[in-house]
Protein backbone atom coordinates (compact mmCIF):
# COMPACT_ATOMS: atom_id res chain seq x y z
CA UNK A 1 33.32 26.99 -24.05
CA UNK A 2 30.16 27.10 -21.99
CA UNK A 3 30.27 24.84 -18.90
CA UNK A 4 27.46 22.35 -18.35
CA UNK A 5 25.12 22.81 -15.43
CA UNK A 6 25.73 20.07 -12.86
CA UNK A 7 22.27 18.62 -12.26
CA UNK A 8 20.39 15.33 -12.17
CA UNK A 9 17.66 14.72 -14.74
CA UNK A 10 15.22 13.72 -11.96
CA UNK A 11 15.18 12.27 -8.44
CA UNK A 12 15.45 8.67 -9.68
CA UNK A 13 19.11 9.26 -10.40
CA UNK A 14 19.66 9.77 -6.68
CA UNK A 15 18.58 6.22 -5.77
CA UNK A 16 21.34 4.11 -4.23
CA UNK A 17 24.93 4.81 -3.19
CA UNK A 18 23.71 5.65 0.32
CA UNK A 19 26.37 6.43 2.95
CA UNK A 20 27.89 4.21 5.59
CA UNK A 21 27.98 6.10 8.90
CA UNK A 22 30.03 5.03 11.92
CA UNK A 23 28.03 4.70 15.15
CA UNK A 24 30.09 6.13 18.00
CA UNK A 25 28.00 7.07 21.03
CA UNK A 26 25.18 4.54 21.22
CA UNK A 27 27.76 1.74 20.81
CA UNK A 28 30.35 3.17 23.23
CA UNK A 29 30.08 0.25 25.63
CA UNK A 30 29.71 -2.43 22.98
CA UNK A 31 32.42 -4.66 21.47
CA UNK A 32 33.31 -4.14 17.82
CA UNK A 33 33.06 -1.44 15.16
CA UNK A 34 29.54 -0.48 14.08
CA UNK A 35 28.52 1.17 10.83
CA UNK A 36 24.99 2.04 9.69
CA UNK A 37 23.94 1.86 6.04
CA UNK A 38 21.49 4.78 6.20
CA UNK A 39 18.89 4.23 3.50
CA UNK A 40 16.98 7.41 4.39
CA UNK A 41 19.44 9.18 2.05
CA UNK A 42 17.50 7.75 -0.91
CA UNK A 43 15.17 10.37 -2.47
CA UNK A 44 12.09 8.52 -1.20
CA UNK A 45 13.76 8.25 2.23
CA UNK A 46 13.91 4.42 2.34
CA UNK A 47 15.58 1.32 0.92
CA UNK A 48 12.34 0.58 -0.97
CA UNK A 49 13.33 3.09 -3.66
CA UNK A 50 15.81 0.50 -4.92
CA UNK A 51 13.25 -2.26 -5.45
CA UNK A 52 10.54 0.07 -6.80
CA UNK A 53 12.81 1.39 -9.56
CA UNK A 54 14.39 -1.97 -10.35
CA UNK A 55 11.11 -3.94 -10.50
CA UNK A 56 9.33 -1.28 -12.58
CA UNK A 57 12.19 -1.01 -15.05
CA UNK A 58 12.37 -4.80 -15.40
CA UNK A 59 8.62 -4.88 -16.07
CA UNK A 60 9.10 -2.21 -18.75
CA UNK A 61 11.89 -4.21 -20.40
CA UNK A 62 9.67 -7.29 -20.53
CA UNK A 63 6.80 -5.31 -21.99
CA UNK A 64 4.56 -5.99 -18.98
CA UNK A 65 4.21 -2.28 -18.21
CA UNK A 66 2.96 -0.09 -21.03
CA UNK A 67 2.15 3.65 -21.21
CA UNK A 68 -0.94 4.34 -19.06
CA UNK A 69 -0.65 1.13 -17.05
CA UNK A 70 -1.78 0.99 -13.42
CA UNK A 71 0.63 -0.39 -10.83
CA UNK A 72 -0.88 -2.19 -7.83
CA UNK A 73 1.01 -3.18 -4.72
CA UNK A 74 0.69 -4.16 -1.07
CA UNK A 75 2.71 -2.04 1.34
CA UNK A 76 3.27 -1.03 4.93
CA UNK A 77 3.98 2.40 3.50
CA UNK A 78 7.57 2.70 2.31
CA UNK A 79 7.31 0.54 -0.79
CA UNK A 80 4.12 2.38 -1.71
CA UNK A 81 5.81 5.76 -1.44
CA UNK A 82 8.66 4.60 -3.62
CA UNK A 83 6.34 3.07 -6.24
CA UNK A 84 4.22 6.24 -6.26
CA UNK A 85 7.34 8.35 -6.74
CA UNK A 86 8.62 6.25 -9.63
CA UNK A 87 5.10 6.09 -11.16
CA UNK A 88 4.84 9.90 -11.22
CA UNK A 89 8.04 10.22 -13.23
CA UNK A 90 7.27 7.34 -15.57
CA UNK A 91 3.62 8.22 -16.17
CA UNK A 92 1.83 5.32 -14.47
CA UNK A 93 -1.22 5.27 -12.22
CA UNK A 94 -0.73 3.81 -8.75
CA UNK A 95 -3.11 1.89 -6.46
CA UNK A 96 -1.91 0.74 -3.04
CA UNK A 97 -3.39 -1.65 -0.49
CA UNK A 98 -1.99 -0.56 2.87
CA UNK A 99 -1.97 -2.19 6.30
CA UNK A 100 -3.94 -0.30 8.95
CA UNK A 101 -0.79 -0.64 11.08
CA UNK A 102 0.85 1.99 8.84
CA UNK A 103 1.22 5.38 10.45
CA UNK A 104 -1.11 8.20 9.45
CA UNK A 105 2.00 10.05 8.29
CA UNK A 106 2.75 7.32 5.75
CA UNK A 107 -0.83 7.14 4.49
CA UNK A 108 -0.99 10.91 4.06
CA UNK A 109 2.31 10.84 2.16
CA UNK A 110 0.99 8.17 -0.23
CA UNK A 111 -2.08 10.25 -1.01
CA UNK A 112 0.08 13.34 -1.51
CA UNK A 113 2.14 11.38 -4.07
CA UNK A 114 -1.03 10.76 -6.11
CA UNK A 115 -1.67 7.15 -5.15
CA UNK A 116 -5.17 5.73 -4.61
CA UNK A 117 -4.99 4.13 -1.16
CA UNK A 118 -7.04 1.30 0.33
CA UNK A 119 -6.45 0.85 4.07
CA UNK A 120 -6.94 -2.78 5.15
CA UNK A 121 -7.12 -4.32 8.65
CA UNK A 122 -3.68 -5.45 9.84
CA UNK A 123 -4.61 -8.20 12.29
CA UNK A 124 -6.42 -10.63 10.00
CA UNK A 125 -5.01 -13.83 8.40
CA UNK A 126 -3.17 -13.37 5.09
CA UNK A 127 -5.89 -15.32 3.25
CA UNK A 128 -8.74 -13.25 4.71
CA UNK A 129 -10.54 -11.33 1.90
CA UNK A 130 -9.99 -8.10 3.86
CA UNK A 131 -6.19 -8.56 4.16
CA UNK A 132 -4.09 -6.23 2.04
CA UNK A 133 -2.77 -9.20 0.08
CA UNK A 134 -6.26 -10.32 -0.97
CA UNK A 135 -7.49 -6.75 -1.55
CA UNK A 136 -4.55 -6.12 -3.91
CA UNK A 137 -5.31 -9.31 -5.81
CA UNK A 138 -8.96 -8.28 -6.19
CA UNK A 139 -8.03 -4.77 -7.35
CA UNK A 140 -5.66 -6.28 -9.91
CA UNK A 141 -8.42 -8.54 -11.26
CA UNK A 142 -10.88 -5.61 -11.42
CA UNK A 143 -8.51 -3.04 -12.96
CA UNK A 144 -7.88 -3.38 -16.67
CA UNK A 145 -4.28 -2.89 -17.75
CA UNK A 146 -2.95 -3.24 -14.20
CA UNK A 147 0.27 -4.89 -13.04
CA UNK A 148 0.51 -6.36 -9.53
CA UNK A 149 4.08 -5.95 -8.28
CA UNK A 150 3.63 -8.42 -5.40
CA UNK A 151 6.80 -7.59 -3.52
CA UNK A 152 6.48 -10.43 -1.03
CA UNK A 153 6.76 -13.11 -3.68
CA UNK A 154 8.88 -11.29 -6.24
CA UNK A 155 12.46 -12.50 -6.56
CA UNK A 156 13.37 -9.23 -8.30
CA UNK A 157 13.19 -7.79 -4.77
CA UNK A 158 16.27 -9.89 -3.87
CA UNK A 159 17.95 -9.14 -7.19
CA UNK A 160 17.65 -5.37 -6.70
CA UNK A 161 19.67 -5.55 -3.47
CA UNK A 162 22.07 -8.18 -4.84
CA UNK A 163 22.98 -5.80 -7.66
CA UNK A 164 23.12 -2.55 -5.69
CA UNK A 165 23.15 -2.61 -1.87
CA UNK A 166 25.41 -5.67 -1.56
CA UNK A 167 28.21 -4.37 -3.79
CA UNK A 168 27.98 -0.91 -2.19
CA UNK A 169 28.57 -2.37 1.31
CA UNK A 170 31.40 -4.60 0.07
CA UNK A 171 33.15 -1.67 -1.61
CA UNK A 172 32.51 0.78 1.27
CA UNK A 173 34.02 -1.64 3.81
CA UNK A 174 36.87 -2.67 1.46
CA UNK A 175 35.76 -6.24 2.08
CA UNK A 176 36.40 -5.97 5.83
CA UNK A 177 32.77 -6.58 6.92
CA UNK A 178 32.39 -9.48 9.37
CA UNK A 179 28.66 -9.21 10.23
CA UNK A 180 25.53 -7.97 8.49
CA UNK A 181 22.51 -7.23 10.68
CA UNK A 182 19.22 -6.33 9.00
CA UNK A 183 15.49 -6.40 9.68
CA UNK A 184 13.50 -8.95 7.73
CA UNK A 185 10.02 -8.25 6.39
CA UNK A 186 9.65 -9.15 2.76
CA UNK A 187 13.23 -10.38 3.12
CA UNK A 188 14.49 -8.79 -0.07
CA UNK A 189 17.09 -6.54 1.52
CA UNK A 190 18.69 -9.06 3.85
CA UNK A 191 18.56 -11.87 1.24
CA UNK A 192 19.96 -9.90 -1.68
CA UNK A 193 22.74 -8.28 0.36
CA UNK A 194 23.61 -11.57 2.12
CA UNK A 195 23.74 -13.50 -1.15
CA UNK A 196 26.21 -11.06 -2.67
CA UNK A 197 28.39 -10.73 0.46
CA UNK A 198 28.62 -14.46 1.06
CA UNK A 199 29.76 -14.95 -2.54
CA UNK A 200 32.66 -12.63 -1.74
CA UNK A 201 33.35 -14.13 1.72
CA UNK A 202 31.32 -17.11 3.02
CA UNK A 203 32.49 -16.40 6.57
CA UNK A 204 30.45 -13.18 6.84
CA UNK A 205 27.74 -13.78 9.41
CA UNK A 206 24.21 -12.61 8.52
CA UNK A 207 21.71 -12.04 11.33
CA UNK A 208 18.07 -11.16 10.76
CA UNK A 209 15.91 -9.07 13.11
CA UNK A 210 12.38 -10.38 13.65
CA UNK A 211 9.41 -9.20 15.75
CA UNK A 212 7.59 -10.98 18.52
CA UNK A 213 4.32 -11.96 16.82
CA UNK A 214 6.03 -12.94 13.56
CA UNK A 215 6.74 -16.42 12.15
CA UNK A 216 10.14 -15.82 10.51
CA UNK A 217 12.57 -16.81 13.29
CA UNK A 218 10.83 -20.10 14.06
CA UNK A 219 10.42 -20.93 10.36
CA UNK A 220 14.16 -20.34 9.86
CA UNK A 221 14.97 -22.72 12.70
CA UNK A 222 12.41 -25.48 11.95
CA UNK A 223 11.27 -24.86 8.35
CA UNK A 224 7.75 -25.19 9.67
CA UNK A 225 5.05 -22.50 9.58
CA UNK A 226 3.63 -22.14 13.08
CA UNK A 227 0.47 -20.03 13.19
CA UNK A 228 0.68 -20.05 17.00
CA UNK A 229 3.61 -17.64 16.69
CA UNK A 230 1.28 -15.01 15.25
CA UNK A 231 -0.18 -12.25 17.38
CA UNK A 232 -0.56 -8.47 16.91
CA UNK A 233 2.49 -6.25 17.18
CA UNK A 234 3.15 -2.63 16.28
CA UNK A 235 6.44 -2.39 14.36
CA UNK A 236 5.79 -1.67 10.67
CA UNK A 237 7.76 -3.38 7.92
CA UNK A 238 9.28 -6.03 10.18
CA UNK A 239 8.31 -9.69 10.50
CA UNK A 240 5.44 -11.46 8.76
CA UNK A 241 2.37 -13.64 9.34
CA UNK A 242 3.26 -15.65 6.23
CA UNK A 243 6.47 -17.00 4.63
CA UNK A 244 7.60 -14.62 1.87
CA UNK A 245 9.30 -16.33 -1.08
CA UNK A 246 11.43 -13.18 -1.38
CA UNK A 247 13.31 -14.39 1.72
CA UNK A 248 16.29 -16.67 1.05
CA UNK A 249 16.48 -18.33 4.47
CA UNK A 250 19.60 -20.27 3.49
CA UNK A 251 21.68 -17.06 3.30
CA UNK A 252 20.69 -16.02 6.84
CA UNK A 253 22.65 -17.56 9.74
CA UNK A 254 20.26 -16.73 12.57
CA UNK A 255 17.43 -14.47 13.75
CA UNK A 256 16.86 -12.52 16.94
CA UNK A 257 13.53 -11.06 18.06
CA UNK A 258 12.97 -7.55 19.43
CA UNK A 259 10.01 -6.00 21.25
CA UNK A 260 7.86 -3.09 20.10
CA UNK A 261 8.62 -0.90 23.09
CA UNK A 262 12.40 -1.37 23.21
CA UNK A 263 12.64 -0.79 19.45
CA UNK A 264 10.69 2.48 19.77
CA UNK A 265 12.87 3.73 22.61
CA UNK A 266 16.04 2.76 20.77
CA UNK A 267 14.98 4.71 17.68
CA UNK A 268 14.58 7.76 19.93
CA UNK A 269 17.97 7.04 21.49
CA UNK A 270 19.57 6.99 18.01
CA UNK A 271 18.28 10.52 17.39
CA UNK A 272 19.55 11.75 20.77
CA UNK A 273 22.99 10.13 20.60
CA UNK A 274 23.95 9.95 16.92
CA UNK A 275 21.80 12.67 15.34
CA UNK A 276 20.28 10.02 13.07
CA UNK A 277 16.53 10.55 12.81
CA UNK A 278 15.55 7.04 11.74
CA UNK A 279 12.37 5.00 11.51
CA UNK A 280 10.83 2.28 13.68
CA UNK A 281 12.62 -0.61 11.96
CA UNK A 282 15.93 1.19 12.34
CA UNK A 283 15.27 1.31 16.05
CA UNK A 284 14.50 -2.43 15.89
CA UNK A 285 17.78 -3.09 14.05
CA UNK A 286 19.75 -1.10 16.62
CA UNK A 287 17.94 -2.86 19.46
CA UNK A 288 18.89 -6.17 17.88
CA UNK A 289 22.53 -5.04 17.85
CA UNK A 290 22.38 -4.28 21.57
CA UNK A 291 20.96 -7.71 22.35
CA UNK A 292 23.50 -9.47 20.13
CA UNK A 293 26.33 -7.60 21.89
CA UNK A 294 24.94 -8.66 25.28
CA UNK A 295 24.88 -12.26 23.99
CA UNK A 296 28.62 -12.06 23.15
CA UNK A 297 28.09 -12.21 19.38
CA UNK A 298 30.83 -9.70 18.47
CA UNK A 299 34.53 -9.36 19.18
CA UNK A 300 36.72 -6.28 19.47
CA UNK A 301 37.76 -6.57 15.80
CA UNK A 302 34.29 -7.25 14.39
CA UNK A 303 33.10 -4.87 11.67
CA UNK A 304 29.32 -4.88 11.90
CA UNK A 305 27.12 -3.30 9.23
CA UNK A 306 23.53 -2.61 10.25
CA UNK A 307 20.81 -1.59 7.82
CA UNK A 308 18.74 1.45 8.78
CA UNK A 309 15.83 1.17 6.29
CA UNK A 310 13.97 4.48 6.54
CA UNK A 311 13.53 8.00 7.94
CA UNK A 312 11.94 9.06 11.21
CA UNK A 313 9.60 11.61 9.58
CA UNK A 314 7.23 8.78 8.74
CA UNK A 315 6.65 8.03 12.43
CA UNK A 316 5.90 11.45 13.88
CA UNK A 317 2.43 10.32 14.95
CA UNK A 318 3.82 7.09 16.39
CA UNK A 319 7.20 6.51 18.05
CA UNK A 320 8.13 10.21 18.10
CA UNK A 321 4.80 11.17 19.68
CA UNK A 322 4.82 11.02 23.49
CA UNK A 323 1.04 10.71 23.40
CA UNK A 324 1.19 7.60 21.17
CA UNK A 325 3.96 6.09 23.28
CA UNK A 326 1.90 6.61 26.42
CA UNK A 327 -1.19 5.09 24.76
CA UNK A 328 0.83 1.94 24.01
CA UNK A 329 2.13 1.82 27.57
CA UNK A 330 5.68 2.32 26.31
CA UNK A 331 6.51 5.36 28.40
CA UNK A 332 6.28 3.17 31.52
CA UNK A 333 9.23 1.04 30.39
CA UNK A 334 11.81 3.82 30.55
CA UNK A 335 12.02 7.38 31.78
CA UNK A 336 13.27 9.46 28.86
CA UNK A 337 15.01 12.78 29.15
CA UNK A 338 13.39 14.81 26.38
CA UNK A 339 13.82 18.49 25.78
CA UNK A 340 10.93 20.60 27.06
CA UNK A 341 9.10 23.20 24.99
CA UNK A 342 9.04 26.73 26.38
CA UNK A 343 6.19 28.91 25.10
CA UNK A 344 7.10 32.58 24.86
CA UNK A 345 4.10 34.88 25.28
């Protein structure tokens, strides 16, 4: 009898079931046991693969998406890449409104994946006609047969992580998780995972990472939107200048804010100490862990799961570029020991 070739039908079958990796070196002087859920192992190199596939397949089931449809979305880069990847394999056109804060690497990747890309100014109010939210709405109105995914206000974002990421973490930790730490942007990841985990064990503590310049932490504490909290910052995919309905604030116990420069340096430190080449938000998540440990949040027996959302290759022109770091004034904050390049002539 002829044996079957062991192969996947396409890359979409590789989405999910990402590994949990113990952090050993960067956490050596910290209390507790630390494990990273490394979402860069998804085929599109980020956690956004999960929501892209789930939302598109739900839209197909409801008859909203039809053959030849155009998918429109707002993105800081990762969601766009995932949507473009799924669109290729399902035969849809893809138009993306992207924040100018997105790295050149991300924008080039989106174009390579066949998406039509509109780059919109990052530091304008959400209701400004030039913002990527408003541009996406306009493109949706102007494009016949288009579907606007609208990840920031789409509860399917939460559902995707409730049905996949949450159960994976619970099973991988055999229910021994005590803390979940995750960055919050759209809020889908932290909300969906938290909702599932707290159903299994309400004592699990969920802590969100926010950026200075974002409104999420203060809104969580006061339930009031304070526009005075808003100012420009550099981390992509973290924090917001609006309140996303895809964030379930009731499932999150607290937030902590991290700075642009410390998050960038910590991402570099992850690569040097753990061999994990992760993105800017992963650096922010790890920086948040450091601050929480300093604040006495964890005990010796704590089992902390931290979400690392994407891969470092998307930030080569940013946090992994010494030139960019110097331009931001970040190289002044810490002297890094980086390997030198020897040119052989």
